[in-house]
C-alpha atoms as a PDB file:
ATOM      1  CA  MET A   1      14.643 -41.193  -1.547  1.00  0.00           C
ATOM      2  CA  PRO A   2      17.582 -40.547   0.844  1.00  0.00           C
ATOM      3  CA  GLN A   3      16.868 -38.814   4.138  1.00  0.00           C
ATOM      4  CA  LEU A   4      18.480 -35.357   4.247  1.00  0.00           C
ATOM      5  CA  PRO A   5      18.280 -32.633   6.898  1.00  0.00           C
ATOM      6  CA  SER A   6      15.035 -30.655   6.569  1.00  0.00           C
ATOM      7  CA  GLU A   7      17.074 -27.437   6.346  1.00  0.00           C
ATOM      8  CA  LEU A   8      18.702 -28.722   3.154  1.00  0.00           C
ATOM      9  CA  TYR A   9      15.360 -29.577   1.558  1.00  0.00           C
ATOM     10  CA  ARG A  10      14.089 -26.105   2.434  1.00  0.00           C
ATOM     11  CA  GLU A  11      17.225 -24.511   0.976  1.00  0.00           C
ATOM     12  CA  ILE A  12      16.608 -26.352  -2.304  1.00  0.00           C
ATOM     13  CA  LEU A  13      12.870 -25.727  -2.455  1.00  0.00           C
ATOM     14  CA  GLN A  14      13.141 -21.979  -1.894  1.00  0.00           C
ATOM     15  CA  HIS A  15      14.477 -21.744  -5.460  1.00  0.00           C
ATOM     16  CA  VAL A  16      11.312 -23.353  -6.889  1.00  0.00           C
ATOM     17  CA  THR A  17       9.057 -20.432  -7.828  1.00  0.00           C
ATOM     18  CA  CYS A  18       6.277 -22.225  -9.737  1.00  0.00           C
ATOM     19  CA  GLY A  19       3.301 -23.257  -7.587  1.00  0.00           C
ATOM     20  CA  ARG A  20       2.570 -26.294  -9.788  1.00  0.00           C
ATOM     21  CA  ASP A  21       6.138 -27.528  -9.368  1.00  0.00           C
ATOM     22  CA  LEU A  22       5.919 -27.121  -5.596  1.00  0.00           C
ATOM     23  CA  TRP A  23       2.659 -29.064  -5.555  1.00  0.00           C
ATOM     24  CA  ALA A  24       4.219 -31.866  -7.623  1.00  0.00           C
ATOM     25  CA  LEU A  25       7.192 -32.039  -5.260  1.00  0.00           C
ATOM     26  CA  SER A  26       4.861 -32.185  -2.269  1.00  0.00           C
ATOM     27  CA  THR A  27       3.496 -35.511  -3.591  1.00  0.00           C
ATOM     28  CA  VAL A  28       6.899 -37.189  -3.956  1.00  0.00           C
ATOM     29  CA  SER A  29       7.377 -38.198  -0.320  1.00  0.00           C
ATOM     30  CA  ARG A  30       6.201 -37.414   3.175  1.00  0.00           C
ATOM     31  CA  VAL A  31       9.446 -35.561   3.927  1.00  0.00           C
ATOM     32  CA  LEU A  32       9.197 -33.374   0.835  1.00  0.00           C
ATOM     33  CA  ASN A  33       5.498 -32.842   1.424  1.00  0.00           C
ATOM     34  CA  ASN A  34       5.975 -30.846   4.620  1.00  0.00           C
ATOM     35  CA  GLU A  35       8.878 -28.796   3.261  1.00  0.00           C
ATOM     36  CA  ALA A  36       7.164 -28.076  -0.084  1.00  0.00           C
ATOM     37  CA  GLU A  37       3.938 -27.051   1.641  1.00  0.00           C
ATOM     38  CA  HIS A  38       5.911 -24.528   3.689  1.00  0.00           C
ATOM     39  CA  PHE A  39       6.522 -22.582   0.461  1.00  0.00           C
ATOM     40  CA  LEU A  40       3.342 -23.624  -1.349  1.00  0.00           C
ATOM     41  CA  TYR A  41       1.063 -22.099   1.287  1.00  0.00           C
ATOM     42  CA  HIS A  42       3.287 -19.287   2.572  1.00  0.00           C
ATOM     43  CA  PHE A  43       1.495 -16.823   0.258  1.00  0.00           C
ATOM     44  CA  VAL A  44      -2.044 -17.809  -0.732  1.00  0.00           C
ATOM     45  CA  ASN A  45      -3.603 -15.676  -3.459  1.00  0.00           C
ATOM     46  CA  SER A  46      -7.119 -15.857  -4.874  1.00  0.00           C
ATOM     47  CA  THR A  47      -8.826 -13.621  -7.423  1.00  0.00           C
ATOM     48  CA  ASN A  48     -12.402 -14.960  -7.423  1.00  0.00           C
ATOM     49  CA  ARG A  49     -14.960 -15.938  -4.800  1.00  0.00           C
ATOM     50  CA  VAL A  50     -15.353 -19.583  -5.822  1.00  0.00           C
ATOM     51  CA  LEU A  51     -11.621 -20.190  -5.496  1.00  0.00           C
ATOM     52  CA  THR A  52     -11.470 -18.177  -2.268  1.00  0.00           C
ATOM     53  CA  LYS A  53     -14.199 -20.312  -0.687  1.00  0.00           C
ATOM     54  CA  SER A  54     -12.410 -23.507  -1.743  1.00  0.00           C
ATOM     55  CA  ILE A  55      -9.140 -22.266  -0.245  1.00  0.00           C
ATOM     56  CA  CYS A  56     -10.868 -21.328   3.014  1.00  0.00           C
ATOM     57  CA  GLU A  57     -12.498 -24.760   3.201  1.00  0.00           C
ATOM     58  CA  LEU A  58      -9.065 -26.349   2.736  1.00  0.00           C
ATOM     59  CA  ILE A  59      -7.687 -24.255   5.597  1.00  0.00           C
ATOM     60  CA  ILE A  60     -10.615 -25.211   7.830  1.00  0.00           C
ATOM     61  CA  HIS A  61     -10.445 -28.966   7.154  1.00  0.00           C
ATOM     62  CA  CYS A  62      -6.672 -29.400   6.807  1.00  0.00           C
ATOM     63  CA  PRO A  63      -4.969 -28.295  10.052  1.00  0.00           C
ATOM     64  CA  ARG A  64      -1.440 -29.041   8.812  1.00  0.00           C
ATOM     65  CA  VAL A  65      -1.782 -26.249   6.205  1.00  0.00           C
ATOM     66  CA  ARG A  66      -2.570 -23.491   8.700  1.00  0.00           C
ATOM     67  CA  PRO A  67       0.916 -22.849  10.194  1.00  0.00           C
ATOM     68  CA  HIS A  68       2.326 -22.372   6.681  1.00  0.00           C
ATOM     69  CA  VAL A  69      -0.115 -19.592   5.680  1.00  0.00           C
ATOM     70  CA  ARG A  70       1.564 -16.284   6.475  1.00  0.00           C
ATOM     71  CA  ARG A  71       0.201 -14.070   3.689  1.00  0.00           C
ATOM     72  CA  LEU A  72      -3.386 -14.315   2.426  1.00  0.00           C
ATOM     73  CA  SER A  73      -4.831 -12.275  -0.442  1.00  0.00           C
ATOM     74  CA  MET A  74      -8.493 -12.464  -1.484  1.00  0.00           C
ATOM     75  CA  ARG A  75      -9.024 -10.061  -4.401  1.00  0.00           C
ATOM     76  CA  ASN A  76     -12.395 -10.988  -5.818  1.00  0.00           C
ATOM     77  CA  ASN A  77     -12.435  -9.669  -9.382  1.00  0.00           C
ATOM     78  CA  ASP A  78     -15.073 -12.030 -10.769  1.00  0.00           C
ATOM     79  CA  ASN A  79     -17.819  -9.342 -10.888  1.00  0.00           C
ATOM     80  CA  LEU A  80     -20.451 -11.847  -9.785  1.00  0.00           C
ATOM     81  CA  PRO A  81     -23.667 -10.194  -8.515  1.00  0.00           C
ATOM     82  CA  HIS A  82     -23.805 -12.535  -5.504  1.00  0.00           C
ATOM     83  CA  GLU A  83     -21.193 -14.485  -3.576  1.00  0.00           C
ATOM     84  CA  PRO A  84     -21.524 -18.278  -3.139  1.00  0.00           C
ATOM     85  CA  ILE A  85     -23.858 -19.434  -0.341  1.00  0.00           C
ATOM     86  CA  GLY A  86     -22.096 -19.259   3.003  1.00  0.00           C
ATOM     87  CA  TYR A  87     -19.125 -17.449   1.493  1.00  0.00           C
ATOM     88  CA  TRP A  88     -18.398 -14.931   4.265  1.00  0.00           C
ATOM     89  CA  ASP A  89     -19.105 -17.457   7.029  1.00  0.00           C
ATOM     90  CA  THR A  90     -16.486 -19.738   5.463  1.00  0.00           C
ATOM     91  CA  VAL A  91     -13.987 -16.875   5.193  1.00  0.00           C
ATOM     92  CA  ALA A  92     -14.577 -15.971   8.852  1.00  0.00           C
ATOM     93  CA  ALA A  93     -14.106 -19.577  10.002  1.00  0.00           C
ATOM     94  CA  ALA A  94     -10.856 -19.894   8.057  1.00  0.00           C
ATOM     95  CA  LEU A  95      -9.438 -16.625   9.387  1.00  0.00           C
ATOM     96  CA  ARG A  96     -10.075 -17.695  12.971  1.00  0.00           C
ATOM     97  CA  THR A  97      -7.765 -20.702  12.469  1.00  0.00           C
ATOM     98  CA  LEU A  98      -4.776 -18.734  11.104  1.00  0.00           C
ATOM     99  CA  GLN A  99      -2.910 -17.805  14.253  1.00  0.00           C
ATOM    100  CA  ASP A 100       0.373 -17.147  12.396  1.00  0.00           C
ATOM    101  CA  LEU A 101      -0.990 -14.894   9.642  1.00  0.00           C
ATOM    102  CA  GLU A 102       1.187 -11.813   9.050  1.00  0.00           C
ATOM    103  CA  ALA A 103      -0.377 -10.110   6.020  1.00  0.00           C
ATOM    104  CA  LEU A 104      -4.018  -9.971   4.901  1.00  0.00           C
ATOM    105  CA  ARG A 105      -5.607  -8.437   1.829  1.00  0.00           C
ATOM    106  CA  VAL A 106      -9.358  -8.466   1.175  1.00  0.00           C
ATOM    107  CA  SER A 107     -10.834  -6.634  -1.818  1.00  0.00           C
ATOM    108  CA  ASP A 108     -14.450  -7.342  -2.671  1.00  0.00           C
ATOM    109  CA  GLY A 109     -16.059  -4.269  -4.234  1.00  0.00           C
ATOM    110  CA  LEU A 110     -17.984  -1.127  -3.399  1.00  0.00           C
ATOM    111  CA  ASP A 111     -20.335  -2.486  -0.735  1.00  0.00           C
ATOM    112  CA  ASN A 112     -18.110  -4.598   1.500  1.00  0.00           C
ATOM    113  CA  CYS A 113     -19.814  -4.480   4.916  1.00  0.00           C
ATOM    114  CA  ASN A 114     -18.165  -7.675   6.116  1.00  0.00           C
ATOM    115  CA  GLY A 115     -15.566  -6.485   8.611  1.00  0.00           C
ATOM    116  CA  TRP A 116     -17.306  -8.721  11.150  1.00  0.00           C
ATOM    117  CA  VAL A 117     -15.364 -11.699   9.699  1.00  0.00           C
ATOM    118  CA  LEU A 118     -12.349 -10.477  11.706  1.00  0.00           C
ATOM    119  CA  ARG A 119     -14.095 -11.066  15.050  1.00  0.00           C
ATOM    120  CA  GLY A 120     -12.355 -13.716  17.092  1.00  0.00           C
ATOM    121  CA  CYS A 121      -9.163 -13.656  15.015  1.00  0.00           C
ATOM    122  CA  THR A 122      -6.028 -14.107  17.118  1.00  0.00           C
ATOM    123  CA  PHE A 123      -3.327 -13.303  14.583  1.00  0.00           C
ATOM    124  CA  SER A 124      -1.124 -10.228  14.913  1.00  0.00           C
ATOM    125  CA  LEU A 125      -0.693  -8.689  11.466  1.00  0.00           C
ATOM    126  CA  ARG A 126       2.143  -6.614  10.066  1.00  0.00           C
ATOM    127  CA  GLU A 127       0.304  -5.693   6.836  1.00  0.00           C
ATOM    128  CA  LEU A 128      -3.409  -5.126   6.209  1.00  0.00           C
ATOM    129  CA  ASP A 129      -5.061  -4.034   2.947  1.00  0.00           C
ATOM    130  CA  VAL A 130      -8.879  -4.131   2.868  1.00  0.00           C
ATOM    131  CA  ASP A 131     -11.984  -2.394   1.572  1.00  0.00           C
ATOM    132  CA  PHE A 132     -14.239  -3.218   4.536  1.00  0.00           C
ATOM    133  CA  MET A 133     -16.599  -0.456   5.559  1.00  0.00           C
ATOM    134  CA  LEU A 134     -15.107   1.505   8.424  1.00  0.00           C
ATOM    135  CA  ASP A 135     -17.697   0.327  10.927  1.00  0.00           C
ATOM    136  CA  ARG A 136     -17.448  -0.640  14.579  1.00  0.00           C
ATOM    137  CA  PRO A 137     -16.591  -4.348  14.058  1.00  0.00           C
ATOM    138  CA  PHE A 138     -13.672  -3.365  11.829  1.00  0.00           C
ATOM    139  CA  LEU A 139     -12.512  -0.647  14.239  1.00  0.00           C
ATOM    140  CA  GLU A 140     -12.715  -3.114  17.119  1.00  0.00           C
ATOM    141  CA  PHE A 141     -10.394  -5.420  15.191  1.00  0.00           C
ATOM    142  CA  LEU A 142      -7.956  -2.572  14.481  1.00  0.00           C
ATOM    143  CA  SER A 143      -7.835  -1.802  18.189  1.00  0.00           C
ATOM    144  CA  THR A 144      -6.381  -5.283  18.792  1.00  0.00           C
ATOM    145  CA  GLN A 145      -3.581  -4.877  16.246  1.00  0.00           C
ATOM    146  CA  ARG A 146      -0.435  -3.412  17.787  1.00  0.00           C
ATOM    147  CA  GLU A 147       2.139  -4.490  15.179  1.00  0.00           C
ATOM    148  CA  ILE A 148       0.666  -3.415  11.832  1.00  0.00           C
ATOM    149  CA  LEU A 149       3.318  -1.492   9.908  1.00  0.00           C
ATOM    150  CA  ALA A 150       1.435  -0.988   6.622  1.00  0.00           C
ATOM    151  CA  LEU A 151      -2.279  -0.251   6.235  1.00  0.00           C
ATOM    152  CA  GLY A 152      -4.163  -0.008   2.971  1.00  0.00           C
ATOM    153  CA  TRP A 153      -7.796   1.019   3.234  1.00  0.00           C
ATOM    154  CA  THR A 154     -10.113   1.705   0.310  1.00  0.00           C
ATOM    155  CA  ASP A 155     -13.274   3.690   1.007  1.00  0.00           C
ATOM    156  CA  GLY A 156     -16.071   2.009  -0.921  1.00  0.00           C
ATOM    157  CA  PHE A 157     -18.624   4.489   0.418  1.00  0.00           C
ATOM    158  CA  PRO A 158     -17.202   7.906  -0.533  1.00  0.00           C
ATOM    159  CA  GLY A 159     -19.370  10.794   0.540  1.00  0.00           C
ATOM    160  CA  LEU A 160     -21.584   8.657   2.780  1.00  0.00           C
ATOM    161  CA  GLY A 161     -19.924   9.572   6.056  1.00  0.00           C
ATOM    162  CA  SER A 162     -18.132   6.237   6.445  1.00  0.00           C
ATOM    163  CA  THR A 163     -15.279   7.948   8.296  1.00  0.00           C
ATOM    164  CA  ASP A 164     -17.540   9.521  10.929  1.00  0.00           C
ATOM    165  CA  VAL A 165     -17.032   6.591  13.309  1.00  0.00           C
ATOM    166  CA  ILE A 166     -13.266   7.181  13.565  1.00  0.00           C
ATOM    167  CA  PRO A 167     -12.474   7.966  17.215  1.00  0.00           C
ATOM    168  CA  ARG A 168     -11.138  11.457  17.864  1.00  0.00           C
ATOM    169  CA  ASN A 169      -8.095   9.926  19.541  1.00  0.00           C
ATOM    170  CA  ALA A 170      -7.420   7.459  16.697  1.00  0.00           C
ATOM    171  CA  GLY A 171      -3.897   8.806  16.453  1.00  0.00           C
ATOM    172  CA  THR A 172      -3.008   7.503  19.903  1.00  0.00           C
ATOM    173  CA  THR A 173      -5.179   4.376  20.211  1.00  0.00           C
ATOM    174  CA  LEU A 174      -5.202   2.599  16.850  1.00  0.00           C
ATOM    175  CA  LEU A 175      -2.233   0.970  15.105  1.00  0.00           C
ATOM    176  CA  PRO A 176       0.609   2.531  17.129  1.00  0.00           C
ATOM    177  CA  ALA A 177       3.314   0.878  14.988  1.00  0.00           C
ATOM    178  CA  LEU A 178       1.937   2.161  11.658  1.00  0.00           C
ATOM    179  CA  HIS A 179       4.552   3.516   9.215  1.00  0.00           C
ATOM    180  CA  GLU A 180       2.887   3.214   5.807  1.00  0.00           C
ATOM    181  CA  LEU A 181      -0.654   4.321   4.908  1.00  0.00           C
ATOM    182  CA  THR A 182      -2.358   3.893   1.522  1.00  0.00           C
ATOM    183  CA  THR A 183      -5.922   5.126   1.080  1.00  0.00           C
ATOM    184  CA  ASN A 184      -8.334   6.843  -1.282  1.00  0.00           C
ATOM    185  CA  CYS A 185      -9.783   8.814   1.627  1.00  0.00           C
ATOM    186  CA  PRO A 186      -8.039  12.090   2.591  1.00  0.00           C
ATOM    187  CA  ALA A 187      -9.912  12.190   5.922  1.00  0.00           C
ATOM    188  CA  ILE A 188      -8.288   8.896   6.946  1.00  0.00           C
ATOM    189  CA  ALA A 189      -4.845  10.376   6.345  1.00  0.00           C
ATOM    190  CA  LEU A 190      -5.671  13.296   8.628  1.00  0.00           C
ATOM    191  CA  ALA A 191      -7.009  10.924  11.289  1.00  0.00           C
ATOM    192  CA  PHE A 192      -3.990   8.635  11.312  1.00  0.00           C
ATOM    193  CA  LEU A 193      -1.124  11.109  10.893  1.00  0.00           C
ATOM    194  CA  PRO A 194      -1.010  12.458  14.467  1.00  0.00           C
ATOM    195  CA  GLY A 195       0.555  10.429  17.229  1.00  0.00           C
ATOM    196  CA  ARG A 196       2.600   7.949  15.216  1.00  0.00           C
ATOM    197  CA  ALA A 197       5.783   7.798  13.149  1.00  0.00           C
ATOM    198  CA  LEU A 198       4.242   7.624   9.663  1.00  0.00           C
ATOM    199  CA  THR A 199       6.923   7.775   6.977  1.00  0.00           C
ATOM    200  CA  HIS A 200       4.918   6.879   3.835  1.00  0.00           C
ATOM    201  CA  VAL A 201       1.485   8.331   3.007  1.00  0.00           C
ATOM    202  CA  TRP A 202      -0.136   7.640  -0.348  1.00  0.00           C
ATOM    203  CA  ILE A 203      -3.546   9.170  -1.061  1.00  0.00           C
ATOM    204  CA  GLY A 204      -5.518   8.338  -4.201  1.00  0.00           C
ATOM    205  CA  GLY A 205      -8.274  10.616  -5.421  1.00  0.00           C
ATOM    206  CA  PRO A 206      -8.649  14.369  -4.852  1.00  0.00           C
ATOM    207  CA  CYS A 207      -7.832  15.833  -1.444  1.00  0.00           C
ATOM    208  CA  ALA A 208      -9.867  18.950  -2.251  1.00  0.00           C
ATOM    209  CA  HIS A 209     -11.993  20.446  -5.022  1.00  0.00           C
ATOM    210  CA  ASP A 210     -11.185  24.152  -4.829  1.00  0.00           C
ATOM    211  CA  ASP A 211      -8.201  26.358  -3.995  1.00  0.00           C
ATOM    212  CA  GLU A 212      -9.237  27.299  -0.466  1.00  0.00           C
ATOM    213  CA  SER A 213     -10.024  23.709   0.437  1.00  0.00           C
ATOM    214  CA  TRP A 214      -6.602  22.640  -0.813  1.00  0.00           C
ATOM    215  CA  LEU A 215      -4.879  25.209   1.368  1.00  0.00           C
ATOM    216  CA  ALA A 216      -6.959  24.229   4.401  1.00  0.00           C
ATOM    217  CA  TYR A 217      -6.383  20.512   3.898  1.00  0.00           C
ATOM    218  CA  MET A 218      -2.619  20.790   3.495  1.00  0.00           C
ATOM    219  CA  ALA A 219      -2.388  23.093   6.525  1.00  0.00           C
ATOM    220  CA  ALA A 220      -4.037  20.390   8.639  1.00  0.00           C
ATOM    221  CA  PHE A 221      -2.016  17.655   6.933  1.00  0.00           C
ATOM    222  CA  GLY A 222       1.310  19.408   7.355  1.00  0.00           C
ATOM    223  CA  ALA A 223       0.784  19.978  11.069  1.00  0.00           C
ATOM    224  CA  ALA A 224       1.469  16.257  11.673  1.00  0.00           C
ATOM    225  CA  ALA A 225       3.670  15.413   8.677  1.00  0.00           C
ATOM    226  CA  GLY A 226       7.074  16.100  10.184  1.00  0.00           C
ATOM    227  CA  GLY A 227       8.320  12.513   9.867  1.00  0.00           C
ATOM    228  CA  LEU A 228       7.229  11.832   6.279  1.00  0.00           C
ATOM    229  CA  ARG A 229       9.755  10.405   3.809  1.00  0.00           C
ATOM    230  CA  SER A 230       7.388   9.595   0.934  1.00  0.00           C
ATOM    231  CA  LEU A 231       4.219  11.452  -0.082  1.00  0.00           C
ATOM    232  CA  ARG A 232       2.029  10.511  -3.030  1.00  0.00           C
ATOM    233  CA  LEU A 233      -1.137  12.447  -3.794  1.00  0.00           C
ATOM    234  CA  ASN A 234      -2.750  14.160  -6.756  1.00  0.00           C
ATOM    235  CA  PHE A 235      -1.441  17.703  -6.481  1.00  0.00           C
ATOM    236  CA  PRO A 236      -3.614  20.436  -8.050  1.00  0.00           C
ATOM    237  CA  PHE A 237      -2.976  21.796 -11.535  1.00  0.00           C
ATOM    238  CA  ASN A 238      -3.332  25.424 -10.447  1.00  0.00           C
ATOM    239  CA  LYS A 239       0.322  26.527 -10.435  1.00  0.00           C
ATOM    240  CA  ARG A 240      -0.198  29.326  -7.902  1.00  0.00           C
ATOM    241  CA  ILE A 241      -1.817  26.996  -5.376  1.00  0.00           C
ATOM    242  CA  LEU A 242       0.700  24.261  -6.169  1.00  0.00           C
ATOM    243  CA  VAL A 243       3.625  26.571  -5.391  1.00  0.00           C
ATOM    244  CA  ALA A 244       2.014  27.597  -2.099  1.00  0.00           C
ATOM    245  CA  LEU A 245       1.412  23.962  -1.113  1.00  0.00           C
ATOM    246  CA  LEU A 246       4.961  22.865  -1.965  1.00  0.00           C
ATOM    247  CA  SER A 247       6.523  25.757  -0.071  1.00  0.00           C
ATOM    248  CA  ARG A 248       4.463  25.011   3.002  1.00  0.00           C
ATOM    249  CA  LEU A 249       5.185  21.295   2.740  1.00  0.00           C
ATOM    250  CA  ALA A 250       8.933  21.992   2.619  1.00  0.00           C
ATOM    251  CA  LYS A 251       8.633  23.553   6.066  1.00  0.00           C
ATOM    252  CA  ASP A 252       6.183  21.026   7.517  1.00  0.00           C
ATOM    253  CA  ALA A 253       7.860  17.871   6.142  1.00  0.00           C
ATOM    254  CA  PRO A 254      11.564  18.727   5.840  1.00  0.00           C
ATOM    255  CA  HIS A 255      12.658  15.066   5.488  1.00  0.00           C
ATOM    256  CA  LEU A 256      10.662  14.246   2.350  1.00  0.00           C
ATOM    257  CA  ARG A 257      12.676  12.210  -0.144  1.00  0.00           C
ATOM    258  CA  SER A 258       9.967  11.064  -2.585  1.00  0.00           C
ATOM    259  CA  LEU A 259       7.238  13.431  -3.815  1.00  0.00           C
ATOM    260  CA  GLY A 260       4.465  13.246  -6.421  1.00  0.00           C
ATOM    261  CA  PHE A 261       2.293  13.335  -8.415  1.00  0.00           C
ATOM    262  CA  LEU A 262       3.090  16.802  -9.780  1.00  0.00           C
ATOM    263  CA  PRO A 263       1.404  18.184 -12.910  1.00  0.00           C
ATOM    264  CA  TYR A 264       3.348  18.805 -16.111  1.00  0.00           C
ATOM    265  CA  PHE A 265       5.830  21.688 -16.042  1.00  0.00           C
ATOM    266  CA  ASN A 266       8.580  23.030 -18.281  1.00  0.00           C
ATOM    267  CA  THR A 267      11.685  25.206 -18.024  1.00  0.00           C
ATOM    268  CA  GLN A 268       9.581  28.376 -17.989  1.00  0.00           C
ATOM    269  CA  ASP A 269       7.980  27.400 -14.663  1.00  0.00           C
ATOM    270  CA  LYS A 270      10.857  28.820 -12.645  1.00  0.00           C
ATOM    271  CA  VAL A 271       8.763  29.659  -9.576  1.00  0.00           C
ATOM    272  CA  LEU A 272       7.451  26.091  -9.420  1.00  0.00           C
ATOM    273  CA  ILE A 273      10.937  24.629  -9.846  1.00  0.00           C
ATOM    274  CA  SER A 274      12.180  26.862  -7.032  1.00  0.00           C
ATOM    275  CA  ALA A 275       9.329  25.672  -4.779  1.00  0.00           C
ATOM    276  CA  ILE A 276      10.265  22.027  -5.439  1.00  0.00           C
ATOM    277  CA  ALA A 277      13.912  22.867  -4.706  1.00  0.00           C
ATOM    278  CA  GLU A 278      12.947  24.092  -1.238  1.00  0.00           C
ATOM    279  CA  HIS A 279      12.828  20.399  -0.286  1.00  0.00           C
ATOM    280  CA  LYS A 280      16.494  20.024   0.605  1.00  0.00           C
ATOM    281  CA  LYS A 281      16.498  16.223   1.014  1.00  0.00           C
ATOM    282  CA  LEU A 282      14.358  15.361  -1.998  1.00  0.00           C
ATOM    283  CA  GLU A 283      15.699  12.405  -4.010  1.00  0.00           C
ATOM    284  CA  SER A 284      12.834  11.594  -6.405  1.00  0.00           C
ATOM    285  CA  VAL A 285      10.068  13.656  -8.001  1.00  0.00           C
ATOM    286  CA  VAL A 286       7.181  11.993  -9.827  1.00  0.00           C
ATOM    287  CA  THR A 287       5.071  13.754 -12.467  1.00  0.00           C
ATOM    288  CA  TRP A 288       1.684  12.955 -13.989  1.00  0.00           C
ATOM    289  CA  SER A 289       3.088  12.955 -17.518  1.00  0.00           C
ATOM    290  CA  VAL A 290       6.426  12.919 -19.305  1.00  0.00           C
ATOM    291  CA  ILE A 291       8.322  16.208 -19.038  1.00  0.00           C
ATOM    292  CA  SER A 292      11.169  17.263 -21.312  1.00  0.00           C
ATOM    293  CA  ALA A 293      14.807  16.436 -20.685  1.00  0.00           C
ATOM    294  CA  ASP A 294      15.462  20.182 -20.389  1.00  0.00           C
ATOM    295  CA  ALA A 295      12.864  20.487 -17.622  1.00  0.00           C
ATOM    296  CA  SER A 296      14.361  17.565 -15.689  1.00  0.00           C
ATOM    297  CA  ARG A 297      17.847  19.096 -16.001  1.00  0.00           C
ATOM    298  CA  ALA A 298      16.581  22.481 -14.810  1.00  0.00           C
ATOM    299  CA  LEU A 299      15.009  20.823 -11.788  1.00  0.00           C
ATOM    300  CA  ALA A 300      18.186  18.851 -11.071  1.00  0.00           C
ATOM    301  CA  GLU A 301      20.306  22.017 -11.168  1.00  0.00           C
ATOM    302  CA  ALA A 302      17.960  23.734  -8.705  1.00  0.00           C
ATOM    303  CA  CYS A 303      17.739  20.682  -6.424  1.00  0.00           C
ATOM    304  CA  PRO A 304      21.220  19.123  -5.911  1.00  0.00           C
ATOM    305  CA  SER A 305      19.887  16.293  -3.707  1.00  0.00           C
ATOM    306  CA  LEU A 306      17.628  15.024  -6.532  1.00  0.00           C
ATOM    307  CA  ARG A 307      18.574  11.676  -8.074  1.00  0.00           C
ATOM    308  CA  LEU A 308      15.545  10.758 -10.162  1.00  0.00           C
ATOM    309  CA  VAL A 309      12.682  12.329 -12.088  1.00  0.00           C
ATOM    310  CA  ALA A 310      10.020   9.692 -12.767  1.00  0.00           C
ATOM    311  CA  CYS A 311       7.228  10.413 -15.241  1.00  0.00           C
ATOM    312  CA  LEU A 312       3.981   8.450 -15.261  1.00  0.00           C
ATOM    313  CA  HIS A 313       3.482   6.950 -18.702  1.00  0.00           C
ATOM    314  CA  TYR A 314       0.519   4.995 -20.162  1.00  0.00           C
ATOM    315  CA  SER A 315      -0.748   3.925 -16.737  1.00  0.00           C
ATOM    316  CA  TYR A 316      -2.244   5.374 -13.566  1.00  0.00           C
ATOM    317  CA  SER A 317       0.191   3.571 -11.294  1.00  0.00           C
ATOM    318  CA  HIS A 318       2.757   1.231 -12.767  1.00  0.00           C
ATOM    319  CA  GLU A 319       4.449   2.479 -15.965  1.00  0.00           C
ATOM    320  CA  TYR A 320       7.123   5.183 -15.737  1.00  0.00           C
ATOM    321  CA  VAL A 321       9.905   6.829 -17.651  1.00  0.00           C
ATOM    322  CA  PHE A 322      12.865   7.133 -15.281  1.00  0.00           C
ATOM    323  CA  MET A 323      15.199  10.088 -15.883  1.00  0.00           C
ATOM    324  CA  PRO A 324      18.305   9.777 -13.673  1.00  0.00           C
ATOM    325  CA  VAL A 325      19.813  13.129 -12.645  1.00  0.00           C
ATOM    326  CA  ASN A 326      22.750  14.281 -10.520  1.00  0.00           C
ATOM    327  CA  PRO A 327      24.489  12.617 -12.344  1.00  0.00           C
ATOM    328  CA  LEU A 328      22.523  12.588 -15.583  1.00  0.00           C
ATOM    329  CA  GLY A 329      21.652   9.161 -16.943  1.00  0.00           C
ATOM    330  CA  VAL A 330      19.858   7.603 -19.887  1.00  0.00           C
ATOM    331  CA  PRO A 331      16.020   7.675 -19.613  1.00  0.00           C
ATOM    332  CA  ARG A 332      14.424   4.228 -19.469  1.00  0.00           C
ATOM    333  CA  ALA A 333      10.970   2.694 -19.186  1.00  0.00           C
ATOM    334  CA  VAL A 334      10.242   1.000 -15.856  1.00  0.00           C
ATOM    335  CA  HIS A 335       7.371  -1.239 -14.769  1.00  0.00           C
ATOM    336  CA  ASP A 336       6.801  -0.750 -11.031  1.00  0.00           C
ATOM    337  CA  PRO A 337       3.784  -2.785  -9.800  1.00  0.00           C
ATOM    338  CA  ASP A 338       5.310  -3.141  -6.310  1.00  0.00           C
ATOM    339  CA  PHE A 339       5.654   0.648  -5.820  1.00  0.00           C
ATOM    340  CA  ARG A 340       9.393   0.415  -5.152  1.00  0.00           C
ATOM    341  CA  LEU A 341       9.753   3.949  -6.531  1.00  0.00           C
ATOM    342  CA  TRP A 342       7.742   5.198  -3.571  1.00  0.00           C
ATOM    343  CA  ARG A 343       8.718   2.647  -0.964  1.00  0.00           C
ATOM    344  CA  ASP A 344      12.514   2.452  -1.198  1.00  0.00           C
ATOM    345  CA  VAL A 345      13.415   5.968  -0.126  1.00  0.00           C
END
């Protein structure tokens, strides 16, 4: 085949989205091989341990692949009782070779005590999403990462004190560039809010289990939430407590633009609507369930900055009914697996 500039091959190949097609093109010629592998291995995704081990062995034994791997996701959903022999040793060896890795995701279940695999890694991440136990090896790795912008951490040991090892000065020593935090652990949010410019905080699971605990948690949370633009947590159903929390949050986080999840409300909940309207820069409100068109219009009238009411529908995270407001628009169903509703504020 004719020799063309490598930039032209790369321009053509970036429009090939199917992995099988990229692999086929990589076998056509030596020139196409290098350019196709750039896209083929840029994002490596595995969903079971057997495949993950095979991919890691490829990375270990094929040095030319390593510079292409920038994003690596190992979500092991195979539900096997035991991993393959030597599995974590192979993962650790592969990670140590990926000097150019920018994003890493590891999800392995409720008892993932394997943060030690990050020892000796020299990459500088921008995104990290893991469910490793928050132990000293994992914290030692975090202390080396100065450029992480987005952290996702799932606590697989809730209630077992797995956050007790967080340093008191975590806010000034760990992840100084952090902007986006996703976790199921409210204590982690409190630990990482101070001392950095967090703009997006998303907390799954309950932040408290009674009214007084809610008030105490949000008082501590709000003290360091001044820079937040997007906040996602499971607000309480008690309307009196909810109103108090929203009013306080309007003072503590005056720049919030995206807020949820709020429980169902209707046009009769005037005090609640007024509390939401205290957020003067709010652009999107997200509710647990679909509210009426009249309720969304009442909220829009009280909150002129509002542009969208999004209602969770048939799913705990991805399916919504979007109700455009100010100006009013036609409601539509939206699938949002990439969390753009929360991220693009």
